[in-house]
Amino acid sequence: MFCPFCRHPDSRVIDSRTSDDGLSIRRRRQCPECGRRFSTTETASLNIVKRSGVVEPFSRDKIVAGVRKACQGRPVTDSDLALLAQRVEETIRQTGSSQVKANEVGLAILPPLRELDEVAYLRFASVYQDFDSLEDFEAAIAVLRTEHGSRTESASDAAPAAGAVHSTEL
C-alpha cells in the first residue's frame, strides 16, 4: 500500500474495523517514512460475467429490479426483495470465486424466490429458463404440485381424526 502523501511503498496498520454491513474492512494506516496517517477500505470484489463476455460488478439492486418484475401484483414487499438479494449474494460469495457467470446468479435466485412466492418463481423461471411452450409451464407446475402434495399429506397425517356422531331415538 503506497502512502498517498509521500508515495512510500509500505505502511503499518494501526487499527482495523469491520463496516456495519460486514462487507468491508476499514483500516487506519501510518506511513513509516513521513509518519502521516490515512484510512483505507478493503472489500472482496465480486464480478459478474455476462453472456456477451462483459464483466461488471455484482449489484444487489440489479437482483431486486429483475425479481421485482416477476413479483408485480404479488404480496411481496421491498424488504422481502432486499432479503432475497442478500441471500443470493451470500450464496454466490460462498463459492469463493471473484468472478461468477450471470447464469449462476440466475440459478442462485430461483430457490429463495420459490420460497418467497411460487407464482413469481414461475414467472422468473419462465423467462430465465426460456420456457418455449405450455408443456414447459405444465412440467414446472407439476413439480410444484408434487411437492405441495407431499407436504399436504404429511400435514393431514398429523391431524386428529373426526369424532363419532351419536344419534338418539325418541
Protein backbone atom coordinates (compact mmCIF):
# COMPACT_ATOMS: atom_id res chain seq x y z
CA MET A 1 0.00 0.00 0.00
CA PHE A 2 1.59 3.24 -1.15
CA CYS A 3 1.39 6.25 1.14
CA PRO A 4 -0.89 8.82 -0.56
CA PHE A 5 1.31 11.66 0.74
CA CYS A 6 4.93 10.64 0.05
CA ARG A 7 4.38 7.51 -2.14
CA HIS A 8 6.44 5.32 0.21
CA PRO A 9 5.66 1.69 -0.77
CA ASP A 10 4.87 0.49 2.75
CA SER A 11 2.51 1.33 5.59
CA ARG A 12 1.70 -0.01 9.03
CA VAL A 13 -1.86 -0.94 10.08
CA ILE A 14 -2.79 0.81 13.32
CA ASP A 15 -6.47 -0.17 13.60
CA SER A 16 -8.93 -2.41 11.70
CA ARG A 17 -12.72 -2.36 11.93
CA THR A 18 -15.44 -4.18 10.08
CA SER A 19 -18.08 -1.95 8.49
CA ASP A 20 -21.65 -2.01 9.77
CA ASP A 21 -22.84 -4.13 6.84
CA GLY A 22 -19.95 -6.56 7.31
CA LEU A 23 -18.91 -6.33 3.66
CA SER A 24 -15.79 -4.23 4.06
CA ILE A 25 -12.94 -3.54 6.46
CA ARG A 26 -11.73 -0.05 7.34
CA ARG A 27 -8.05 0.11 8.19
CA ARG A 28 -6.23 3.05 9.77
CA ARG A 29 -2.62 3.12 8.49
CA GLN A 30 0.55 5.07 9.22
CA CYS A 31 3.43 5.66 6.84
CA PRO A 32 6.82 4.73 8.39
CA GLU A 33 8.55 7.30 6.14
CA CYS A 34 6.57 10.52 6.68
CA GLY A 35 4.54 9.46 9.75
CA ARG A 36 1.23 10.64 8.33
CA ARG A 37 -1.93 8.61 8.81
CA PHE A 38 -4.59 7.62 6.31
CA SER A 39 -7.53 5.23 6.04
CA THR A 40 -8.26 2.50 3.53
CA THR A 41 -11.38 0.46 2.88
CA GLU A 42 -11.00 -3.12 1.75
CA THR A 43 -13.74 -5.11 0.08
CA ALA A 44 -13.82 -8.50 -1.59
CA SER A 45 -14.66 -7.83 -5.20
CA LEU A 46 -17.38 -9.86 -6.87
CA ASN A 47 -17.82 -9.53 -10.61
CA ILE A 48 -20.46 -10.94 -12.91
CA VAL A 49 -19.53 -12.25 -16.34
CA LYS A 50 -22.44 -11.68 -18.72
CA ARG A 51 -23.23 -13.91 -21.70
CA SER A 52 -21.64 -11.34 -24.01
CA GLY A 53 -18.38 -11.62 -22.05
CA VAL A 54 -18.74 -8.19 -20.45
CA VAL A 55 -17.65 -8.14 -16.79
CA GLU A 56 -19.41 -5.88 -14.31
CA PRO A 57 -19.53 -5.57 -10.52
CA PHE A 58 -22.21 -7.52 -8.64
CA SER A 59 -25.21 -5.41 -7.71
CA ARG A 60 -27.98 -6.32 -5.28
CA ASP A 61 -30.05 -3.57 -6.90
CA LYS A 62 -29.98 -5.47 -10.21
CA ILE A 63 -31.19 -8.62 -8.45
CA VAL A 64 -34.05 -6.69 -6.83
CA ALA A 65 -35.00 -4.98 -10.11
CA GLY A 66 -35.07 -8.26 -12.02
CA VAL A 67 -37.08 -10.12 -9.40
CA ARG A 68 -39.43 -7.16 -8.82
CA LYS A 69 -40.80 -7.60 -12.34
CA ALA A 70 -41.67 -11.23 -11.59
CA CYS A 71 -43.30 -10.16 -8.30
CA GLN A 72 -45.52 -7.50 -9.84
CA GLY A 73 -49.00 -7.76 -8.36
CA ARG A 74 -47.88 -10.33 -5.79
CA PRO A 75 -47.84 -9.87 -1.98
CA VAL A 76 -44.07 -9.30 -1.85
CA THR A 77 -42.57 -6.31 -0.04
CA ASP A 78 -39.41 -4.34 -0.76
CA SER A 79 -37.85 -5.78 2.40
CA ASP A 80 -38.63 -9.31 1.12
CA LEU A 81 -36.78 -8.47 -2.09
CA ALA A 82 -33.84 -6.97 -0.19
CA LEU A 83 -33.53 -10.15 1.90
CA LEU A 84 -33.72 -12.27 -1.25
CA ALA A 85 -30.91 -10.24 -2.84
CA GLN A 86 -28.83 -10.63 0.33
CA ARG A 87 -29.35 -14.41 0.30
CA VAL A 88 -28.36 -14.56 -3.37
CA GLU A 89 -25.19 -12.57 -2.71
CA GLU A 90 -24.29 -14.80 0.24
CA THR A 91 -24.80 -17.91 -1.89
CA ILE A 92 -22.59 -16.53 -4.65
CA ARG A 93 -19.86 -15.37 -2.26
CA GLN A 94 -19.76 -18.84 -0.69
CA THR A 95 -18.40 -20.18 -3.98
CA GLY A 96 -15.18 -18.32 -3.16
CA SER A 97 -14.83 -17.09 -6.73
CA SER A 98 -14.34 -13.42 -7.56
CA GLN A 99 -15.99 -13.84 -10.99
CA VAL A 100 -19.31 -15.60 -11.46
CA LYS A 101 -21.28 -16.19 -14.63
CA ALA A 102 -24.64 -14.44 -14.90
CA ASN A 103 -26.26 -17.84 -15.36
CA GLU A 104 -25.07 -18.87 -11.88
CA VAL A 105 -26.66 -15.75 -10.43
CA GLY A 106 -29.98 -16.71 -12.01
CA LEU A 107 -29.71 -20.22 -10.59
CA ALA A 108 -29.00 -18.74 -7.15
CA ILE A 109 -32.16 -16.60 -7.39
CA LEU A 110 -34.55 -19.47 -8.08
CA PRO A 111 -34.61 -21.31 -4.69
CA PRO A 112 -35.20 -18.26 -2.43
CA LEU A 113 -37.72 -16.83 -4.90
CA ARG A 114 -39.58 -20.14 -4.90
CA GLU A 115 -39.81 -19.97 -1.09
CA LEU A 116 -40.96 -16.36 -1.25
CA ASP A 117 -43.70 -16.68 -3.89
CA GLU A 118 -44.36 -19.59 -6.23
CA VAL A 119 -46.17 -17.51 -8.86
CA ALA A 120 -43.26 -15.06 -9.01
CA TYR A 121 -40.94 -18.07 -9.19
CA LEU A 122 -42.80 -19.42 -12.23
CA ARG A 123 -42.73 -16.02 -13.91
CA PHE A 124 -39.00 -15.62 -13.32
CA ALA A 125 -38.20 -19.20 -14.28
CA SER A 126 -40.23 -18.90 -17.49
CA VAL A 127 -38.02 -16.06 -18.67
CA TYR A 128 -34.76 -17.24 -17.14
CA GLN A 129 -35.09 -20.86 -18.27
CA ASP A 130 -36.57 -19.95 -21.68
CA PHE A 131 -39.91 -21.71 -21.41
CA ASP A 132 -40.92 -22.28 -25.03
CA SER A 133 -44.27 -23.99 -24.69
CA LEU A 134 -47.16 -24.76 -22.42
CA GLU A 135 -45.52 -28.10 -21.68
CA ASP A 136 -42.62 -26.26 -20.04
CA PHE A 137 -45.07 -24.44 -17.74
CA GLU A 138 -47.00 -27.64 -17.07
CA ALA A 139 -43.84 -29.50 -16.11
CA ALA A 140 -42.80 -26.74 -13.69
CA ILE A 141 -46.29 -26.62 -12.18
CA ALA A 142 -46.36 -30.42 -11.86
CA VAL A 143 -43.16 -30.31 -9.82
CA LEU A 144 -44.65 -27.65 -7.53
CA ARG A 145 -47.89 -29.64 -7.14
CA THR A 146 -46.00 -32.83 -6.32
CA GLU A 147 -44.10 -31.04 -3.59
CA HIS A 148 -47.29 -29.43 -2.26
CA GLY A 149 -48.98 -32.82 -2.27
CA SER A 150 -46.24 -34.41 -0.20
CA ARG A 151 -46.33 -31.51 2.28
CA THR A 152 -50.14 -31.60 2.49
CA GLU A 153 -50.21 -35.38 3.05
CA SER A 154 -47.73 -35.19 5.90
CA ALA A 155 -49.75 -32.35 7.47
CA SER A 156 -53.06 -34.28 7.17
CA ASP A 157 -51.47 -37.40 8.71
CA ALA A 158 -50.81 -35.37 11.82
CA ALA A 159 -54.40 -34.01 12.00
CA PRO A 160 -56.69 -35.58 14.64
CA ALA A 161 -59.47 -37.88 13.45
CA ALA A 162 -63.02 -36.52 13.49
CA GLY A 163 -65.13 -37.60 16.47
CA ALA A 164 -68.03 -40.04 16.06
CA VAL A 165 -71.56 -38.65 15.80
CA HIS A 166 -74.17 -40.12 18.16
CA SER A 167 -77.85 -40.21 17.36
CA THR A 168 -80.66 -40.73 19.78
CA GLU A 169 -84.09 -42.14 19.13
CA LEU A 170 -87.16 -40.74 20.77
